[in-house]
Amino acid sequence: LPPPLQLGTKVLILRHPKEPETKSSATPLPLLSPDDIEVQEWNEAYERQIAHEGLPFGTWLAYPSDDAIPAAEVPWQEVSRVVLIDSRWTHAKAVAMSQ
């Protein structure tokens, strides 16, 4: 493997539990940048943890919606973590709209 990449921004990839881990192209990404990329299965326990603890300041969800902020308008200097959803659209909306 090449040396680990240093992204400068943390990336959290949430995978819906109905999406097979073996078919996900996100599964091997932490190998490229183990300090910056985390793949986490979205489940009820993780949802409760996030609802209880919240997410750190500077965390942004990248997801298309009517009230989404265009990428050109994001204050990138304030972004410390980007959250991506790895699933089909039917499951992605459930993750994005949860607490």
C-alpha atoms as a PDB file:
ATOM      1  CA  LEU A   1       0.000   0.000   0.000  1.00  0.00           C
ATOM      2  CA  PRO A   2       1.113   3.584  -0.543  1.00  0.00           C
ATOM      3  CA  PRO A   3       1.771   5.763   2.505  1.00  0.00           C
ATOM      4  CA  PRO A   4      -1.449   6.833   4.255  1.00  0.00           C
ATOM      5  CA  LEU A   5      -3.066   9.975   2.925  1.00  0.00           C
ATOM      6  CA  GLN A   6      -3.498  12.950   5.243  1.00  0.00           C
ATOM      7  CA  LEU A   7      -6.745  14.592   4.170  1.00  0.00           C
ATOM      8  CA  GLY A   8      -6.786  17.528   6.560  1.00  0.00           C
ATOM      9  CA  THR A   9     -10.490  16.902   7.181  1.00  0.00           C
ATOM     10  CA  LYS A  10     -12.087  13.937   8.908  1.00  0.00           C
ATOM     11  CA  VAL A  11     -14.554  11.905   6.860  1.00  0.00           C
ATOM     12  CA  LEU A  12     -17.296   9.823   8.445  1.00  0.00           C
ATOM     13  CA  ILE A  13     -19.070   7.459   6.071  1.00  0.00           C
ATOM     14  CA  LEU A  14     -22.366   6.131   7.396  1.00  0.00           C
ATOM     15  CA  ARG A  15     -23.447   2.836   5.883  1.00  0.00           C
ATOM     16  CA  HIS A  16     -27.076   1.781   6.183  1.00  0.00           C
ATOM     17  CA  PRO A  17     -27.341  -1.695   7.798  1.00  0.00           C
ATOM     18  CA  LYS A  18     -29.351  -3.059   4.853  1.00  0.00           C
ATOM     19  CA  GLU A  19     -26.498  -2.269   2.490  1.00  0.00           C
ATOM     20  CA  PRO A  20     -24.046  -5.188   2.201  1.00  0.00           C
ATOM     21  CA  GLU A  21     -20.615  -4.200   3.468  1.00  0.00           C
ATOM     22  CA  THR A  22     -19.038  -6.488   0.871  1.00  0.00           C
ATOM     23  CA  LYS A  23     -20.618  -4.502  -1.989  1.00  0.00           C
ATOM     24  CA  SER A  24     -19.701  -1.085  -0.631  1.00  0.00           C
ATOM     25  CA  SER A  25     -16.900   0.791  -2.373  1.00  0.00           C
ATOM     26  CA  ALA A  26     -16.436   2.798   0.848  1.00  0.00           C
ATOM     27  CA  THR A  27     -15.380  -0.189   2.964  1.00  0.00           C
ATOM     28  CA  PRO A  28     -11.671  -0.129   1.956  1.00  0.00           C
ATOM     29  CA  LEU A  29     -11.285   3.675   2.114  1.00  0.00           C
ATOM     30  CA  PRO A  30      -9.952   3.737   5.709  1.00  0.00           C
ATOM     31  CA  LEU A  31      -6.969   1.736   4.426  1.00  0.00           C
ATOM     32  CA  LEU A  32      -5.941   4.770   2.362  1.00  0.00           C
ATOM     33  CA  SER A  33      -6.316   7.264   5.190  1.00  0.00           C
ATOM     34  CA  PRO A  34      -6.755   5.444   8.514  1.00  0.00           C
ATOM     35  CA  ASP A  35      -6.437   8.613  10.599  1.00  0.00           C
ATOM     36  CA  ASP A  36      -9.015  10.573   8.618  1.00  0.00           C
ATOM     37  CA  ILE A  37     -11.646   8.164   7.247  1.00  0.00           C
ATOM     38  CA  GLU A  38     -14.068   6.138   9.346  1.00  0.00           C
ATOM     39  CA  VAL A  39     -16.831   3.870   8.043  1.00  0.00           C
ATOM     40  CA  GLN A  40     -19.599   3.335  10.573  1.00  0.00           C
ATOM     41  CA  GLU A  41     -22.740   1.252  10.247  1.00  0.00           C
ATOM     42  CA  TRP A  42     -25.814   3.363  10.952  1.00  0.00           C
ATOM     43  CA  ASN A  43     -27.929   1.520  13.508  1.00  0.00           C
ATOM     44  CA  GLU A  44     -30.211   2.368  16.421  1.00  0.00           C
ATOM     45  CA  ALA A  45     -27.406   2.295  18.985  1.00  0.00           C
ATOM     46  CA  TYR A  46     -25.264   4.682  16.924  1.00  0.00           C
ATOM     47  CA  GLU A  47     -28.263   6.938  16.308  1.00  0.00           C
ATOM     48  CA  ARG A  48     -28.937   7.115  20.079  1.00  0.00           C
ATOM     49  CA  GLN A  49     -25.256   7.881  20.710  1.00  0.00           C
ATOM     50  CA  ILE A  50     -25.306  10.750  18.199  1.00  0.00           C
ATOM     51  CA  ALA A  51     -28.610  12.042  19.597  1.00  0.00           C
ATOM     52  CA  HIS A  52     -27.141  11.993  23.102  1.00  0.00           C
ATOM     53  CA  GLU A  53     -23.612  13.276  22.402  1.00  0.00           C
ATOM     54  CA  GLY A  54     -24.180  15.249  19.216  1.00  0.00           C
ATOM     55  CA  LEU A  55     -21.544  15.717  16.567  1.00  0.00           C
ATOM     56  CA  PRO A  56     -18.498  17.948  16.956  1.00  0.00           C
ATOM     57  CA  PHE A  57     -18.646  21.583  15.833  1.00  0.00           C
ATOM     58  CA  GLY A  58     -17.607  21.832  12.211  1.00  0.00           C
ATOM     59  CA  THR A  59     -19.349  18.619  11.140  1.00  0.00           C
ATOM     60  CA  TRP A  60     -21.216  18.907   7.843  1.00  0.00           C
ATOM     61  CA  LEU A  61     -23.480  16.385   6.114  1.00  0.00           C
ATOM     62  CA  ALA A  62     -23.005  16.163   2.349  1.00  0.00           C
ATOM     63  CA  TYR A  63     -26.478  15.265   1.095  1.00  0.00           C
ATOM     64  CA  PRO A  64     -28.692  16.804  -1.585  1.00  0.00           C
ATOM     65  CA  SER A  65     -31.846  18.467  -0.302  1.00  0.00           C
ATOM     66  CA  ASP A  66     -34.000  21.499  -0.990  1.00  0.00           C
ATOM     67  CA  ASP A  67     -32.364  23.439   1.858  1.00  0.00           C
ATOM     68  CA  ALA A  68     -28.794  22.289   1.177  1.00  0.00           C
ATOM     69  CA  ILE A  69     -26.086  24.924   1.054  1.00  0.00           C
ATOM     70  CA  PRO A  70     -24.190  24.970  -2.267  1.00  0.00           C
ATOM     71  CA  ALA A  71     -20.604  23.751  -1.883  1.00  0.00           C
ATOM     72  CA  ALA A  72     -19.305  27.117  -3.100  1.00  0.00           C
ATOM     73  CA  GLU A  73     -20.991  28.782  -0.097  1.00  0.00           C
ATOM     74  CA  VAL A  74     -19.715  26.400   2.577  1.00  0.00           C
ATOM     75  CA  PRO A  75     -17.221  28.074   4.966  1.00  0.00           C
ATOM     76  CA  TRP A  76     -14.617  25.344   4.340  1.00  0.00           C
ATOM     77  CA  GLN A  77     -12.162  26.819   6.857  1.00  0.00           C
ATOM     78  CA  GLU A  78     -14.706  25.897   9.567  1.00  0.00           C
ATOM     79  CA  VAL A  79     -15.289  22.325   8.318  1.00  0.00           C
ATOM     80  CA  SER A  80     -13.488  19.740  10.422  1.00  0.00           C
ATOM     81  CA  ARG A  81     -15.544  16.694   9.447  1.00  0.00           C
ATOM     82  CA  VAL A  82     -17.657  15.708   6.459  1.00  0.00           C
ATOM     83  CA  VAL A  83     -20.342  13.046   6.832  1.00  0.00           C
ATOM     84  CA  LEU A  84     -21.221  10.983   3.760  1.00  0.00           C
ATOM     85  CA  ILE A  85     -23.964   8.385   3.434  1.00  0.00           C
ATOM     86  CA  ASP A  86     -23.127   5.130   1.684  1.00  0.00           C
ATOM     87  CA  SER A  87     -26.379   3.500   0.571  1.00  0.00           C
ATOM     88  CA  ARG A  88     -29.080   3.450  -2.057  1.00  0.00           C
ATOM     89  CA  TRP A  89     -31.359   6.486  -2.145  1.00  0.00           C
ATOM     90  CA  THR A  90     -34.189   4.695  -0.362  1.00  0.00           C
ATOM     91  CA  HIS A  91     -31.986   4.051   2.672  1.00  0.00           C
ATOM     92  CA  ALA A  92     -29.904   7.239   2.449  1.00  0.00           C
ATOM     93  CA  LYS A  93     -32.923   9.443   3.094  1.00  0.00           C
ATOM     94  CA  ALA A  94     -33.732   7.506   6.278  1.00  0.00           C
ATOM     95  CA  VAL A  95     -30.191   8.107   7.582  1.00  0.00           C
ATOM     96  CA  ALA A  96     -30.089  11.767   6.540  1.00  0.00           C
ATOM     97  CA  MET A  97     -33.460  12.595   8.081  1.00  0.00           C
ATOM     98  CA  SER A  98     -32.838  10.873  11.399  1.00  0.00           C
ATOM     99  CA  GLN A  99     -31.646  12.805  14.417  1.00  0.00           C
END
